[in-house]
C-alpha atoms as a PDB file:
ATOM      1  CA  MET A   1      96.015 147.231 160.790  1.00  0.00           C
ATOM      2  CA  ARG A   2      97.749 143.994 161.661  1.00  0.00           C
ATOM      3  CA  LYS A   3     101.380 144.212 162.700  1.00  0.00           C
ATOM      4  CA  THR A   4     103.769 141.551 161.575  1.00  0.00           C
ATOM      5  CA  ARG A   5     107.303 140.905 162.593  1.00  0.00           C
ATOM      6  CA  ALA A   6     109.620 141.239 159.634  1.00  0.00           C
ATOM      7  CA  SER A   7     112.561 138.975 159.131  1.00  0.00           C
ATOM      8  CA  ARG A   8     116.044 140.428 158.845  1.00  0.00           C
ATOM      9  CA  SER A   9     116.098 143.542 156.710  1.00  0.00           C
ATOM     10  CA  CYS A  10     117.884 143.795 153.395  1.00  0.00           C
ATOM     11  CA  CYS A  11     120.525 145.987 155.009  1.00  0.00           C
ATOM     12  CA  ASP A  12     121.142 143.379 157.708  1.00  0.00           C
ATOM     13  CA  ARG A  13     121.748 140.732 155.075  1.00  0.00           C
ATOM     14  CA  LEU A  14     124.161 143.000 153.205  1.00  0.00           C
ATOM     15  CA  SER A  15     126.167 144.104 156.232  1.00  0.00           C
ATOM     16  CA  ARG A  16     129.731 142.884 156.060  1.00  0.00           C
ATOM     17  CA  PRO A  17     132.987 143.885 157.727  1.00  0.00           C
ATOM     18  CA  ALA A  18     134.434 147.003 156.067  1.00  0.00           C
ATOM     19  CA  ASP A  19     137.528 145.160 154.831  1.00  0.00           C
ATOM     20  CA  GLU A  20     135.688 142.199 153.310  1.00  0.00           C
ATOM     21  CA  LYS A  21     135.399 142.144 149.501  1.00  0.00           C
ATOM     22  CA  ARG A  22     132.299 140.529 148.063  1.00  0.00           C
ATOM     23  CA  SER A  23     131.986 139.087 144.579  1.00  0.00           C
ATOM     24  CA  LEU A  24     128.831 139.438 142.572  1.00  0.00           C
ATOM     25  CA  SER A  25     127.639 138.226 139.218  1.00  0.00           C
ATOM     26  CA  GLY A  26     124.404 138.276 137.325  1.00  0.00           C
ATOM     27  CA  ARG A  27     122.763 137.771 133.963  1.00  0.00           C
ATOM     28  CA  LEU A  28     119.819 139.638 132.450  1.00  0.00           C
ATOM     29  CA  VAL A  29     117.164 136.957 132.008  1.00  0.00           C
ATOM     30  CA  ASP A  30     113.985 139.017 131.596  1.00  0.00           C
ATOM     31  CA  THR A  31     113.856 142.340 129.768  1.00  0.00           C
ATOM     32  CA  HIS A  32     110.154 142.884 130.645  1.00  0.00           C
ATOM     33  CA  GLN A  33     109.573 143.758 126.993  1.00  0.00           C
ATOM     34  CA  ASP A  34     106.060 142.292 127.073  1.00  0.00           C
ATOM     35  CA  GLU A  35     105.043 144.570 129.953  1.00  0.00           C
ATOM     36  CA  LYS A  36     106.546 147.649 128.257  1.00  0.00           C
ATOM     37  CA  LYS A  37     108.613 148.259 131.407  1.00  0.00           C
ATOM     38  CA  GLU A  38     112.111 148.044 129.994  1.00  0.00           C
ATOM     39  CA  ILE A  39     114.639 150.073 131.930  1.00  0.00           C
ATOM     40  CA  ASN A  40     117.798 148.341 130.767  1.00  0.00           C
ATOM     41  CA  ASP A  41     118.622 150.684 127.917  1.00  0.00           C
ATOM     42  CA  PHE A  42     121.747 151.755 126.082  1.00  0.00           C
ATOM     43  CA  THR A  43     122.135 155.144 124.399  1.00  0.00           C
ATOM     44  CA  GLY A  44     123.802 154.826 121.020  1.00  0.00           C
ATOM     45  CA  GLU A  45     124.625 157.458 118.423  1.00  0.00           C
ATOM     46  CA  ASN A  46     123.298 157.225 114.881  1.00  0.00           C
ATOM     47  CA  PRO A  47     123.822 159.578 111.969  1.00  0.00           C
ATOM     48  CA  LEU A  48     120.952 162.031 111.647  1.00  0.00           C
ATOM     49  CA  VAL A  49     120.958 161.237 107.908  1.00  0.00           C
ATOM     50  CA  PRO A  50     122.550 157.806 107.275  1.00  0.00           C
ATOM     51  CA  CYS A  51     124.366 158.768 104.079  1.00  0.00           C
ATOM     52  CA  ARG A  52     125.446 162.208 105.391  1.00  0.00           C
ATOM     53  CA  PRO A  53     127.378 161.797 108.698  1.00  0.00           C
ATOM     54  CA  GLU A  54     128.634 165.403 108.415  1.00  0.00           C
ATOM     55  CA  LEU A  55     125.074 166.539 109.272  1.00  0.00           C
ATOM     56  CA  GLY A  56     125.492 165.271 112.796  1.00  0.00           C
ATOM     57  CA  MET A  57     124.484 162.470 115.102  1.00  0.00           C
ATOM     58  CA  ILE A  58     121.367 161.727 117.128  1.00  0.00           C
ATOM     59  CA  ASN A  59     121.175 159.769 120.376  1.00  0.00           C
ATOM     60  CA  MET A  60     118.766 156.837 120.374  1.00  0.00           C
ATOM     61  CA  LEU A  61     117.721 154.444 123.150  1.00  0.00           C
ATOM     62  CA  TYR A  62     118.150 150.742 122.482  1.00  0.00           C
ATOM     63  CA  ALA A  63     116.932 147.912 124.720  1.00  0.00           C
ATOM     64  CA  ILE A  64     119.582 145.602 126.159  1.00  0.00           C
ATOM     65  CA  ALA A  65     119.181 141.973 125.059  1.00  0.00           C
ATOM     66  CA  LYS A  66     118.754 138.981 127.356  1.00  0.00           C
ATOM     67  CA  GLY A  67     122.063 137.440 128.343  1.00  0.00           C
ATOM     68  CA  ALA A  68     123.851 140.657 129.342  1.00  0.00           C
ATOM     69  CA  THR A  69     126.234 139.945 132.220  1.00  0.00           C
ATOM     70  CA  MET A  70     127.601 141.895 135.166  1.00  0.00           C
ATOM     71  CA  GLU A  71     130.314 140.678 137.512  1.00  0.00           C
ATOM     72  CA  GLY A  72     132.767 142.192 139.891  1.00  0.00           C
ATOM     73  CA  LYS A  73     133.731 142.937 143.466  1.00  0.00           C
ATOM     74  CA  LEU A  74     132.453 145.338 146.106  1.00  0.00           C
ATOM     75  CA  GLY A  75     134.226 146.221 149.336  1.00  0.00           C
ATOM     76  CA  ASN A  76     136.477 148.644 151.183  1.00  0.00           C
ATOM     77  CA  GLY A  77     134.289 151.480 149.905  1.00  0.00           C
ATOM     78  CA  LYS A  78     135.189 150.544 146.313  1.00  0.00           C
ATOM     79  CA  ALA A  79     133.548 148.831 143.367  1.00  0.00           C
ATOM     80  CA  ASP A  80     135.075 147.091 140.361  1.00  0.00           C
ATOM     81  CA  LEU A  81     132.344 145.948 137.946  1.00  0.00           C
ATOM     82  CA  ARG A  82     132.438 144.576 134.396  1.00  0.00           C
ATOM     83  CA  ILE A  83     129.386 144.612 132.126  1.00  0.00           C
ATOM     84  CA  LYS A  84     129.075 142.844 128.763  1.00  0.00           C
ATOM     85  CA  ALA A  85     125.945 143.323 126.691  1.00  0.00           C
ATOM     86  CA  SER A  86     124.406 143.863 123.292  1.00  0.00           C
ATOM     87  CA  THR A  87     121.261 145.596 122.148  1.00  0.00           C
ATOM     88  CA  ARG A  88     118.214 143.549 121.268  1.00  0.00           C
ATOM     89  CA  ASN A  89     118.306 144.660 117.625  1.00  0.00           C
ATOM     90  CA  GLY A  90     121.996 143.665 117.333  1.00  0.00           C
ATOM     91  CA  LEU A  91     123.261 147.104 116.291  1.00  0.00           C
ATOM     92  CA  PHE A  92     125.532 147.538 119.322  1.00  0.00           C
ATOM     93  CA  ALA A  93     127.653 145.222 121.450  1.00  0.00           C
ATOM     94  CA  PHE A  94     129.760 146.582 124.257  1.00  0.00           C
ATOM     95  CA  SER A  95     131.886 145.788 127.255  1.00  0.00           C
ATOM     96  CA  LEU A  96     132.640 148.272 129.989  1.00  0.00           C
ATOM     97  CA  ARG A  97     134.454 148.381 133.280  1.00  0.00           C
ATOM     98  CA  LEU A  98     133.374 150.625 136.137  1.00  0.00           C
ATOM     99  CA  THR A  99     135.889 151.279 138.895  1.00  0.00           C
ATOM    100  CA  VAL A 100     135.037 153.615 141.764  1.00  0.00           C
END
């Protein structure tokens, strides 16, 4: 087995002073639909029987469409993230904020 010297590790590149806040942003550009490897899903509720909502709801998984965005800040042991997305079939659109 040949040994190689690795460049800086991922953790080294992400290390920052504890009080430094870092901004991040991203856009979903590939859903991997063709490879059947989608993991960007949204769980939405649908009526079990469309014309009879009193019979209850069922949870269904829907694939997130290309163009979904995430942005926010990380630092000081906290996260403040905003996600905007819609499902590929257009049934759901949502925006959420995660603060921890």
